[in-house]
């Protein structure tokens, strides 16, 4: 770390480890859990309709 540029401030790294501190719990070292970024393990989509045949789809497209 020393000799590198500081991630947070306009200076060289002084080894303070402030950049490794958790944003949500200052007593914890960041473990990249993503809670501060509201990262979810999965995403969902809504399904409005399921077409069982190409003809049903075409009927909806050309009413």
N, C-alpha and C. Protein backbone atom coordinates (compact mmCIF):
# COMPACT_ATOMS: atom_id res chain seq x y z
N UNK A 1 0.80 -1.20 0.00
CA UNK A 1 0.00 0.00 0.00
C UNK A 1 0.85 1.26 0.00
N UNK A 2 1.82 1.30 0.84
CA UNK A 2 2.65 2.50 0.89
C UNK A 2 3.32 2.71 -0.45
N UNK A 3 3.39 3.95 -0.87
CA UNK A 3 3.94 4.28 -2.17
C UNK A 3 2.88 4.41 -3.24
N UNK A 4 1.65 3.98 -2.95
CA UNK A 4 0.55 4.10 -3.89
C UNK A 4 -0.24 5.37 -3.57
N UNK A 5 -1.13 5.73 -4.49
CA UNK A 5 -2.01 6.87 -4.26
C UNK A 5 -3.15 6.44 -3.34
N UNK A 6 -3.58 7.33 -2.47
CA UNK A 6 -4.70 7.09 -1.56
C UNK A 6 -5.98 6.99 -2.38
N UNK A 7 -6.85 6.04 -2.02
CA UNK A 7 -8.12 5.84 -2.71
C UNK A 7 -9.14 6.91 -2.34
N UNK A 8 -9.01 7.52 -1.18
CA UNK A 8 -10.02 8.44 -0.69
C UNK A 8 -9.61 9.91 -0.74
N UNK A 9 -8.33 10.17 -0.59
CA UNK A 9 -7.87 11.55 -0.50
C UNK A 9 -6.78 11.82 -1.53
N UNK A 10 -6.54 13.07 -1.82
CA UNK A 10 -5.52 13.47 -2.79
C UNK A 10 -4.16 13.51 -2.11
N UNK A 11 -3.59 12.33 -1.91
CA UNK A 11 -2.29 12.19 -1.25
C UNK A 11 -1.76 10.79 -1.52
N UNK A 12 -0.54 10.55 -1.09
CA UNK A 12 0.01 9.19 -1.14
C UNK A 12 -0.57 8.38 0.01
N UNK A 13 -0.61 7.07 -0.15
CA UNK A 13 -1.13 6.18 0.89
C UNK A 13 -0.24 6.28 2.13
N UNK A 14 -0.90 6.43 3.29
CA UNK A 14 -0.16 6.47 4.57
C UNK A 14 -0.44 5.22 5.40
N UNK A 15 -1.20 4.27 4.85
CA UNK A 15 -1.47 3.01 5.54
C UNK A 15 -2.51 3.12 6.64
N UNK A 16 -3.42 4.08 6.55
CA UNK A 16 -4.42 4.28 7.61
C UNK A 16 -5.54 3.23 7.55
N UNK A 17 -5.70 2.56 6.41
CA UNK A 17 -6.70 1.52 6.19
C UNK A 17 -8.14 2.05 6.22
N UNK A 18 -8.33 3.36 6.14
CA UNK A 18 -9.68 3.92 6.10
C UNK A 18 -10.44 3.44 4.86
N UNK A 19 -9.73 3.19 3.78
CA UNK A 19 -10.37 2.69 2.56
C UNK A 19 -10.87 1.27 2.70
N UNK A 20 -10.42 0.53 3.71
CA UNK A 20 -10.84 -0.85 3.94
C UNK A 20 -11.93 -0.96 5.00
N UNK A 21 -12.41 0.16 5.52
CA UNK A 21 -13.42 0.16 6.57
C UNK A 21 -14.82 0.02 5.97
N UNK A 22 -15.65 -0.80 6.60
CA UNK A 22 -17.03 -0.99 6.16
C UNK A 22 -17.80 0.32 6.29
N UNK A 23 -18.58 0.68 5.27
CA UNK A 23 -19.38 1.91 5.31
C UNK A 23 -20.53 1.81 6.30
N UNK A 24 -21.04 0.62 6.54
CA UNK A 24 -22.19 0.44 7.43
C UNK A 24 -21.79 0.17 8.87
N UNK A 25 -20.64 -0.44 9.09
CA UNK A 25 -20.15 -0.75 10.43
C UNK A 25 -18.69 -0.36 10.52
N UNK A 26 -18.40 0.82 11.07
CA UNK A 26 -17.01 1.30 11.11
C UNK A 26 -16.06 0.43 11.93
N UNK A 27 -16.58 -0.52 12.67
CA UNK A 27 -15.72 -1.41 13.46
C UNK A 27 -15.34 -2.66 12.67
N UNK A 28 -15.78 -2.75 11.42
CA UNK A 28 -15.57 -3.94 10.61
C UNK A 28 -14.74 -3.60 9.37
N UNK A 29 -13.88 -4.53 8.97
CA UNK A 29 -13.13 -4.39 7.73
C UNK A 29 -14.06 -4.83 6.59
N UNK A 30 -14.06 -4.10 5.49
CA UNK A 30 -14.92 -4.42 4.36
C UNK A 30 -14.62 -5.83 3.86
N UNK A 31 -15.70 -6.63 3.69
CA UNK A 31 -15.54 -7.98 3.15
C UNK A 31 -16.28 -8.14 1.83
N UNK A 32 -16.60 -7.01 1.20
CA UNK A 32 -17.29 -6.98 -0.10
C UNK A 32 -18.64 -7.69 -0.07
N UNK A 33 -19.37 -7.55 1.03
CA UNK A 33 -20.68 -8.21 1.14
C UNK A 33 -21.71 -7.53 0.24
N UNK A 34 -21.53 -6.26 -0.09
CA UNK A 34 -22.43 -5.55 -0.99
C UNK A 34 -23.64 -4.94 -0.34
N UNK A 35 -23.80 -5.07 0.98
CA UNK A 35 -24.97 -4.51 1.66
C UNK A 35 -25.06 -3.00 1.49
N UNK A 36 -23.94 -2.32 1.44
CA UNK A 36 -23.94 -0.87 1.27
C UNK A 36 -24.38 -0.48 -0.15
N UNK A 37 -24.30 -1.41 -1.09
CA UNK A 37 -24.70 -1.16 -2.48
C UNK A 37 -26.08 -1.70 -2.79
N UNK A 38 -26.72 -2.33 -1.80
CA UNK A 38 -28.04 -2.94 -1.96
C UNK A 38 -28.03 -3.97 -3.09
N UNK A 39 -26.99 -4.79 -3.11
CA UNK A 39 -26.87 -5.85 -4.12
C UNK A 39 -27.76 -7.02 -3.70
N UNK A 40 -28.55 -7.53 -4.63
CA UNK A 40 -29.41 -8.67 -4.35
C UNK A 40 -28.83 -9.93 -4.96
N UNK A 41 -29.15 -11.06 -4.35
CA UNK A 41 -28.64 -12.34 -4.85
C UNK A 41 -29.36 -12.79 -6.11
N UNK A 42 -30.54 -12.24 -6.36
CA UNK A 42 -31.31 -12.66 -7.52
C UNK A 42 -32.15 -11.49 -8.02
N UNK A 43 -32.62 -11.60 -9.22
CA UNK A 43 -33.50 -10.60 -9.80
C UNK A 43 -34.77 -11.30 -10.27
N UNK A 44 -35.85 -10.57 -10.35
CA UNK A 44 -37.11 -11.16 -10.78
C UNK A 44 -37.68 -10.36 -11.93
N UNK A 45 -38.47 -11.03 -12.74
CA UNK A 45 -39.21 -10.36 -13.81
C UNK A 45 -40.65 -10.82 -13.73
N UNK A 46 -41.55 -9.99 -14.15
CA UNK A 46 -42.96 -10.35 -14.17
C UNK A 46 -43.34 -10.91 -15.52
N UNK A 47 -44.17 -11.94 -15.53
CA UNK A 47 -44.65 -12.54 -16.78
C UNK A 47 -46.12 -12.19 -16.91
N UNK A 48 -46.47 -11.50 -17.98
CA UNK A 48 -47.86 -11.08 -18.21
C UNK A 48 -48.69 -12.16 -18.87
N UNK A 49 -48.06 -12.90 -19.76
CA UNK A 49 -48.82 -13.89 -20.51
C UNK A 49 -47.89 -14.94 -21.10
N UNK A 50 -48.40 -16.15 -21.23
CA UNK A 50 -47.65 -17.24 -21.86
C UNK A 50 -48.44 -17.68 -23.08
N UNK A 51 -47.79 -17.68 -24.21
CA UNK A 51 -48.42 -18.12 -25.46
C UNK A 51 -48.12 -19.60 -25.67
N UNK A 52 -49.16 -20.36 -25.92
CA UNK A 52 -48.99 -21.79 -26.14
C UNK A 52 -48.82 -22.14 -27.62
N UNK A 53 -49.13 -21.17 -28.46
CA UNK A 53 -48.94 -21.41 -29.89
C UNK A 53 -48.58 -20.10 -30.58
N UNK A 54 -47.99 -20.23 -31.74
CA UNK A 54 -47.62 -19.06 -32.52
C UNK A 54 -48.86 -18.29 -32.99
N UNK A 55 -49.94 -19.02 -33.23
CA UNK A 55 -51.18 -18.37 -33.66
C UNK A 55 -51.74 -17.46 -32.57
N UNK A 56 -51.68 -17.89 -31.33
CA UNK A 56 -52.15 -17.05 -30.21
C UNK A 56 -51.33 -15.76 -30.12
N UNK A 57 -50.03 -15.89 -30.31
CA UNK A 57 -49.15 -14.71 -30.28
C UNK A 57 -49.51 -13.75 -31.41
N UNK A 58 -49.70 -14.28 -32.61
CA UNK A 58 -50.03 -13.44 -33.76
C UNK A 58 -51.37 -12.76 -33.58
N UNK A 59 -52.34 -13.42 -32.97
CA UNK A 59 -53.64 -12.80 -32.71
C UNK A 59 -53.49 -11.59 -31.78
N UNK A 60 -52.64 -11.68 -30.79
CA UNK A 60 -52.41 -10.56 -29.87
C UNK A 60 -51.67 -9.41 -30.56
N UNK A 61 -50.80 -9.72 -31.50
CA UNK A 61 -50.03 -8.69 -32.18
C UNK A 61 -50.84 -7.95 -33.23
N UNK A 62 -51.81 -8.62 -33.82
CA UNK A 62 -52.65 -8.02 -34.86
C UNK A 62 -54.13 -8.17 -34.48
N UNK A 63 -54.62 -7.34 -33.56
CA UNK A 63 -56.01 -7.51 -33.10
C UNK A 63 -57.05 -7.18 -34.14
